[in-house]
């Protein structure tokens, strides 16, 4: 059995904790299917999509891009005016992405099943008794968002999208105000 120094183990755990295996590859393929991107743009987009909670390191993105290129799934485009490499999916890469999309669908189903249960555990830990009142409304909200996504997938109108966005923005703003009030003490 090989051993890493304790600090190396801690660093690796922080980098990968909570990220399902294969998720980074799936996200990179998904982003490249949308448009050619550089490694830095991919990192920034994943960070943006996760609200800053996950920023893959260049040490995970660039080896993955090289691996995808070696397998013929991506190709490197000529460098742009600032010298950045951009990557694009090949036809073979698009087929591979479709296979990976099946992985993504299975992962989504697992997360959708678990999300209300995990939110239902909201009352655990510090101030658990005080958080009990939040538990059921939080579970209902998560369940409603999951149901909404499934419902809107095929029947989304511009008006409905605006209406849902307004409700979510208003709710987020009110919650952010409460959080700031609590932080200020």
C-alpha atoms as a PDB file:
ATOM      1  CA  UNK A   1       0.000   0.000   0.000  1.00  0.00           C
ATOM      2  CA  UNK A   2       1.405   3.414  -0.927  1.00  0.00           C
ATOM      3  CA  UNK A   3       1.093   6.337   1.377  1.00  0.00           C
ATOM      4  CA  UNK A   4       0.860  10.045   0.780  1.00  0.00           C
ATOM      5  CA  UNK A   5       2.056  12.544   3.344  1.00  0.00           C
ATOM      6  CA  UNK A   6      -0.904  13.662   5.508  1.00  0.00           C
ATOM      7  CA  UNK A   7      -0.952  17.142   3.950  1.00  0.00           C
ATOM      8  CA  UNK A   8      -1.157  15.590   0.465  1.00  0.00           C
ATOM      9  CA  UNK A   9      -4.137  13.473   1.521  1.00  0.00           C
ATOM     10  CA  UNK A  10      -5.882  16.497   3.057  1.00  0.00           C
ATOM     11  CA  UNK A  11      -5.271  18.549  -0.101  1.00  0.00           C
ATOM     12  CA  UNK A  12      -6.627  15.784  -2.344  1.00  0.00           C
ATOM     13  CA  UNK A  13      -9.702  15.277  -0.154  1.00  0.00           C
ATOM     14  CA  UNK A  14     -10.541  18.997  -0.184  1.00  0.00           C
ATOM     15  CA  UNK A  15     -10.218  19.052  -3.947  1.00  0.00           C
ATOM     16  CA  UNK A  16     -12.477  16.069  -4.587  1.00  0.00           C
ATOM     17  CA  UNK A  17     -14.729  15.865  -1.529  1.00  0.00           C
ATOM     18  CA  UNK A  18     -18.364  15.707  -2.548  1.00  0.00           C
ATOM     19  CA  UNK A  19     -17.687  15.578  -6.299  1.00  0.00           C
ATOM     20  CA  UNK A  20     -19.023  12.357  -7.812  1.00  0.00           C
ATOM     21  CA  UNK A  21     -16.554  10.392  -9.887  1.00  0.00           C
ATOM     22  CA  UNK A  22     -16.913  11.217 -13.571  1.00  0.00           C
ATOM     23  CA  UNK A  23     -18.716  14.499 -12.975  1.00  0.00           C
ATOM     24  CA  UNK A  24     -15.817  16.685 -14.133  1.00  0.00           C
ATOM     25  CA  UNK A  25     -15.481  14.735 -17.386  1.00  0.00           C
ATOM     26  CA  UNK A  26     -19.224  14.997 -17.948  1.00  0.00           C
ATOM     27  CA  UNK A  27     -19.231  18.768 -17.353  1.00  0.00           C
ATOM     28  CA  UNK A  28     -16.219  19.345 -19.617  1.00  0.00           C
ATOM     29  CA  UNK A  29     -17.876  17.373 -22.424  1.00  0.00           C
ATOM     30  CA  UNK A  30     -21.160  19.200 -21.881  1.00  0.00           C
ATOM     31  CA  UNK A  31     -19.487  22.617 -22.025  1.00  0.00           C
ATOM     32  CA  UNK A  32     -17.467  21.710 -25.115  1.00  0.00           C
ATOM     33  CA  UNK A  33     -20.624  20.436 -26.817  1.00  0.00           C
ATOM     34  CA  UNK A  34     -22.078  23.936 -26.385  1.00  0.00           C
ATOM     35  CA  UNK A  35     -19.030  25.750 -27.818  1.00  0.00           C
ATOM     36  CA  UNK A  36     -15.238  25.564 -28.088  1.00  0.00           C
ATOM     37  CA  UNK A  37     -13.573  26.684 -24.854  1.00  0.00           C
ATOM     38  CA  UNK A  38     -10.184  27.038 -23.241  1.00  0.00           C
ATOM     39  CA  UNK A  39      -9.312  25.213 -20.038  1.00  0.00           C
ATOM     40  CA  UNK A  40      -9.535  28.484 -18.093  1.00  0.00           C
ATOM     41  CA  UNK A  41     -12.990  29.191 -19.530  1.00  0.00           C
ATOM     42  CA  UNK A  42     -14.128  25.718 -18.502  1.00  0.00           C
ATOM     43  CA  UNK A  43     -12.883  26.280 -14.941  1.00  0.00           C
ATOM     44  CA  UNK A  44     -14.627  29.663 -14.788  1.00  0.00           C
ATOM     45  CA  UNK A  45     -17.888  28.272 -16.175  1.00  0.00           C
ATOM     46  CA  UNK A  46     -17.977  25.391 -13.683  1.00  0.00           C
ATOM     47  CA  UNK A  47     -17.238  27.809 -10.852  1.00  0.00           C
ATOM     48  CA  UNK A  48     -20.053  30.075 -12.079  1.00  0.00           C
ATOM     49  CA  UNK A  49     -22.522  27.194 -12.477  1.00  0.00           C
ATOM     50  CA  UNK A  50     -21.812  25.983  -8.931  1.00  0.00           C
ATOM     51  CA  UNK A  51     -22.146  29.434  -7.401  1.00  0.00           C
ATOM     52  CA  UNK A  52     -18.458  29.486  -6.503  1.00  0.00           C
ATOM     53  CA  UNK A  53     -18.700  26.298  -4.444  1.00  0.00           C
ATOM     54  CA  UNK A  54     -16.480  24.294  -6.789  1.00  0.00           C
ATOM     55  CA  UNK A  55     -13.598  25.537  -8.876  1.00  0.00           C
ATOM     56  CA  UNK A  56     -11.764  22.653 -10.505  1.00  0.00           C
ATOM     57  CA  UNK A  57      -8.006  23.082 -10.425  1.00  0.00           C
ATOM     58  CA  UNK A  58      -5.960  23.440 -13.602  1.00  0.00           C
ATOM     59  CA  UNK A  59      -4.255  20.229 -12.437  1.00  0.00           C
ATOM     60  CA  UNK A  60      -7.515  18.375 -12.984  1.00  0.00           C
ATOM     61  CA  UNK A  61      -8.779  20.187 -16.098  1.00  0.00           C
ATOM     62  CA  UNK A  62      -5.693  20.126 -18.328  1.00  0.00           C
ATOM     63  CA  UNK A  63      -4.809  16.444 -17.893  1.00  0.00           C
ATOM     64  CA  UNK A  64      -8.457  15.620 -18.584  1.00  0.00           C
ATOM     65  CA  UNK A  65      -8.417  17.764 -21.748  1.00  0.00           C
ATOM     66  CA  UNK A  66      -5.211  16.003 -22.857  1.00  0.00           C
ATOM     67  CA  UNK A  67      -6.770  12.598 -22.176  1.00  0.00           C
ATOM     68  CA  UNK A  68      -9.891  13.495 -24.155  1.00  0.00           C
ATOM     69  CA  UNK A  69      -7.717  14.733 -27.023  1.00  0.00           C
ATOM     70  CA  UNK A  70      -5.538  11.593 -26.989  1.00  0.00           C
ATOM     71  CA  UNK A  71      -8.679   9.462 -27.277  1.00  0.00           C
ATOM     72  CA  UNK A  72      -9.909  11.538 -30.219  1.00  0.00           C
ATOM     73  CA  UNK A  73     -12.880  13.042 -28.372  1.00  0.00           C
ATOM     74  CA  UNK A  74     -11.624  16.626 -28.644  1.00  0.00           C
ATOM     75  CA  UNK A  75      -9.342  18.531 -30.910  1.00  0.00           C
ATOM     76  CA  UNK A  76      -7.299  21.597 -30.233  1.00  0.00           C
ATOM     77  CA  UNK A  77      -8.168  24.659 -32.289  1.00  0.00           C
ATOM     78  CA  UNK A  78      -5.536  27.148 -33.466  1.00  0.00           C
ATOM     79  CA  UNK A  79      -4.527  29.505 -30.648  1.00  0.00           C
ATOM     80  CA  UNK A  80      -6.464  32.741 -30.473  1.00  0.00           C
ATOM     81  CA  UNK A  81      -4.963  36.224 -30.561  1.00  0.00           C
ATOM     82  CA  UNK A  82      -3.921  36.020 -26.880  1.00  0.00           C
ATOM     83  CA  UNK A  83      -2.364  32.589 -27.370  1.00  0.00           C
ATOM     84  CA  UNK A  84      -5.016  30.517 -25.558  1.00  0.00           C
ATOM     85  CA  UNK A  85      -5.752  26.982 -26.673  1.00  0.00           C
ATOM     86  CA  UNK A  86      -9.398  26.189 -27.284  1.00  0.00           C
ATOM     87  CA  UNK A  87     -10.830  22.710 -27.471  1.00  0.00           C
ATOM     88  CA  UNK A  88     -13.741  21.441 -29.534  1.00  0.00           C
ATOM     89  CA  UNK A  89     -15.610  18.135 -29.484  1.00  0.00           C
ATOM     90  CA  UNK A  90     -15.044  15.865 -32.467  1.00  0.00           C
ATOM     91  CA  UNK A  91     -17.808  13.685 -33.931  1.00  0.00           C
ATOM     92  CA  UNK A  92     -16.409  10.836 -31.830  1.00  0.00           C
ATOM     93  CA  UNK A  93     -16.496  13.158 -28.809  1.00  0.00           C
ATOM     94  CA  UNK A  94     -20.134  13.980 -29.450  1.00  0.00           C
ATOM     95  CA  UNK A  95     -20.956  10.254 -29.461  1.00  0.00           C
ATOM     96  CA  UNK A  96     -18.971   9.813 -26.235  1.00  0.00           C
ATOM     97  CA  UNK A  97     -20.825  12.751 -24.701  1.00  0.00           C
ATOM     98  CA  UNK A  98     -24.150  11.072 -25.473  1.00  0.00           C
ATOM     99  CA  UNK A  99     -22.918   7.999 -23.566  1.00  0.00           C
ATOM    100  CA  UNK A 100     -21.806  10.227 -20.708  1.00  0.00           C
ATOM    101  CA  UNK A 101     -25.188  11.991 -20.754  1.00  0.00           C
ATOM    102  CA  UNK A 102     -26.677   8.669 -19.664  1.00  0.00           C
ATOM    103  CA  UNK A 103     -24.330   8.835 -16.649  1.00  0.00           C
ATOM    104  CA  UNK A 104     -25.518  12.386 -16.012  1.00  0.00           C
ATOM    105  CA  UNK A 105     -29.137  11.323 -16.161  1.00  0.00           C
ATOM    106  CA  UNK A 106     -28.537   8.522 -13.646  1.00  0.00           C
ATOM    107  CA  UNK A 107     -26.695  10.962 -11.366  1.00  0.00           C
ATOM    108  CA  UNK A 108     -29.493  13.530 -11.665  1.00  0.00           C
ATOM    109  CA  UNK A 109     -32.094  10.921 -10.742  1.00  0.00           C
ATOM    110  CA  UNK A 110     -30.075   9.909  -7.679  1.00  0.00           C
ATOM    111  CA  UNK A 111     -29.651  13.519  -6.608  1.00  0.00           C
ATOM    112  CA  UNK A 112     -33.317  14.298  -7.164  1.00  0.00           C
ATOM    113  CA  UNK A 113     -34.271  11.334  -5.041  1.00  0.00           C
ATOM    114  CA  UNK A 114     -31.841  12.324  -2.284  1.00  0.00           C
ATOM    115  CA  UNK A 115     -32.314  16.099  -2.296  1.00  0.00           C
ATOM    116  CA  UNK A 116     -35.583  16.235  -0.329  1.00  0.00           C
ATOM    117  CA  UNK A 117     -34.239  13.660   2.127  1.00  0.00           C
ATOM    118  CA  UNK A 118     -31.026  15.631   2.632  1.00  0.00           C
ATOM    119  CA  UNK A 119     -32.917  18.887   3.060  1.00  0.00           C
ATOM    120  CA  UNK A 120     -35.201  17.063   5.479  1.00  0.00           C
ATOM    121  CA  UNK A 121     -32.072  16.513   7.603  1.00  0.00           C
ATOM    122  CA  UNK A 122     -31.706  20.289   7.811  1.00  0.00           C
ATOM    123  CA  UNK A 123     -32.632  20.219  11.525  1.00  0.00           C
ATOM    124  CA  UNK A 124     -29.567  18.166  12.471  1.00  0.00           C
ATOM    125  CA  UNK A 125     -26.537  19.680  14.108  1.00  0.00           C
ATOM    126  CA  UNK A 126     -26.163  23.056  15.788  1.00  0.00           C
ATOM    127  CA  UNK A 127     -29.475  24.773  16.551  1.00  0.00           C
ATOM    128  CA  UNK A 128     -31.266  21.677  15.292  1.00  0.00           C
ATOM    129  CA  UNK A 129     -34.362  22.363  17.340  1.00  0.00           C
ATOM    130  CA  UNK A 130     -34.581  25.945  16.046  1.00  0.00           C
ATOM    131  CA  UNK A 131     -34.169  24.744  12.452  1.00  0.00           C
ATOM    132  CA  UNK A 132     -37.001  22.216  12.802  1.00  0.00           C
ATOM    133  CA  UNK A 133     -39.503  24.869  11.673  1.00  0.00           C
ATOM    134  CA  UNK A 134     -37.562  25.324   8.415  1.00  0.00           C
ATOM    135  CA  UNK A 135     -37.321  21.619   7.616  1.00  0.00           C
ATOM    136  CA  UNK A 136     -40.685  20.973   5.936  1.00  0.00           C
ATOM    137  CA  UNK A 137     -40.834  24.232   3.928  1.00  0.00           C
ATOM    138  CA  UNK A 138     -37.263  23.606   2.697  1.00  0.00           C
ATOM    139  CA  UNK A 139     -38.127  20.054   1.680  1.00  0.00           C
ATOM    140  CA  UNK A 140     -41.272  21.281  -0.111  1.00  0.00           C
ATOM    141  CA  UNK A 141     -39.276  23.937  -1.966  1.00  0.00           C
ATOM    142  CA  UNK A 142     -36.649  21.467  -3.174  1.00  0.00           C
ATOM    143  CA  UNK A 143     -39.333  18.982  -4.227  1.00  0.00           C
ATOM    144  CA  UNK A 144     -41.265  21.733  -6.034  1.00  0.00           C
ATOM    145  CA  UNK A 145     -38.124  22.857  -7.883  1.00  0.00           C
ATOM    146  CA  UNK A 146     -37.408  19.299  -9.002  1.00  0.00           C
ATOM    147  CA  UNK A 147     -41.011  18.787 -10.090  1.00  0.00           C
ATOM    148  CA  UNK A 148     -40.980  22.159 -11.845  1.00  0.00           C
ATOM    149  CA  UNK A 149     -37.853  21.262 -13.807  1.00  0.00           C
ATOM    150  CA  UNK A 150     -39.453  18.054 -15.008  1.00  0.00           C
ATOM    151  CA  UNK A 151     -42.716  19.815 -15.879  1.00  0.00           C
ATOM    152  CA  UNK A 152     -41.063  22.735 -17.663  1.00  0.00           C
ATOM    153  CA  UNK A 153     -38.667  20.554 -19.611  1.00  0.00           C
ATOM    154  CA  UNK A 154     -41.197  20.155 -22.403  1.00  0.00           C
ATOM    155  CA  UNK A 155     -43.739  22.944 -21.838  1.00  0.00           C
ATOM    156  CA  UNK A 156     -41.718  26.032 -20.975  1.00  0.00           C
ATOM    157  CA  UNK A 157     -43.033  29.312 -22.309  1.00  0.00           C
ATOM    158  CA  UNK A 158     -41.171  32.607 -22.089  1.00  0.00           C
ATOM    159  CA  UNK A 159     -43.868  33.989 -19.768  1.00  0.00           C
ATOM    160  CA  UNK A 160     -43.655  31.006 -17.414  1.00  0.00           C
ATOM    161  CA  UNK A 161     -39.848  31.197 -17.361  1.00  0.00           C
ATOM    162  CA  UNK A 162     -40.029  34.898 -16.414  1.00  0.00           C
ATOM    163  CA  UNK A 163     -42.612  34.198 -13.726  1.00  0.00           C
ATOM    164  CA  UNK A 164     -40.559  31.392 -12.177  1.00  0.00           C
ATOM    165  CA  UNK A 165     -37.364  33.471 -12.388  1.00  0.00           C
ATOM    166  CA  UNK A 166     -39.073  36.384 -10.602  1.00  0.00           C
ATOM    167  CA  UNK A 167     -40.334  34.155  -7.780  1.00  0.00           C
ATOM    168  CA  UNK A 168     -36.889  32.560  -7.347  1.00  0.00           C
ATOM    169  CA  UNK A 169     -35.078  35.914  -7.464  1.00  0.00           C
ATOM    170  CA  UNK A 170     -37.482  37.443  -4.908  1.00  0.00           C
ATOM    171  CA  UNK A 171     -37.099  34.448  -2.585  1.00  0.00           C
ATOM    172  CA  UNK A 172     -33.298  34.402  -2.915  1.00  0.00           C
ATOM    173  CA  UNK A 173     -33.122  38.145  -2.222  1.00  0.00           C
ATOM    174  CA  UNK A 174     -35.233  37.820   0.942  1.00  0.00           C
ATOM    175  CA  UNK A 175     -33.133  34.885   2.180  1.00  0.00           C
ATOM    176  CA  UNK A 176     -29.898  36.796   1.451  1.00  0.00           C
ATOM    177  CA  UNK A 177     -31.239  39.752   3.463  1.00  0.00           C
ATOM    178  CA  UNK A 178     -31.962  37.447   6.413  1.00  0.00           C
ATOM    179  CA  UNK A 179     -28.488  35.934   6.150  1.00  0.00           C
ATOM    180  CA  UNK A 180     -26.864  39.388   6.147  1.00  0.00           C
ATOM    181  CA  UNK A 181     -28.996  40.483   9.115  1.00  0.00           C
ATOM    182  CA  UNK A 182     -27.924  37.392  11.075  1.00  0.00           C
ATOM    183  CA  UNK A 183     -24.248  37.895  10.181  1.00  0.00           C
ATOM    184  CA  UNK A 184     -24.355  41.470  11.428  1.00  0.00           C
ATOM    185  CA  UNK A 185     -25.672  40.140  14.706  1.00  0.00           C
END
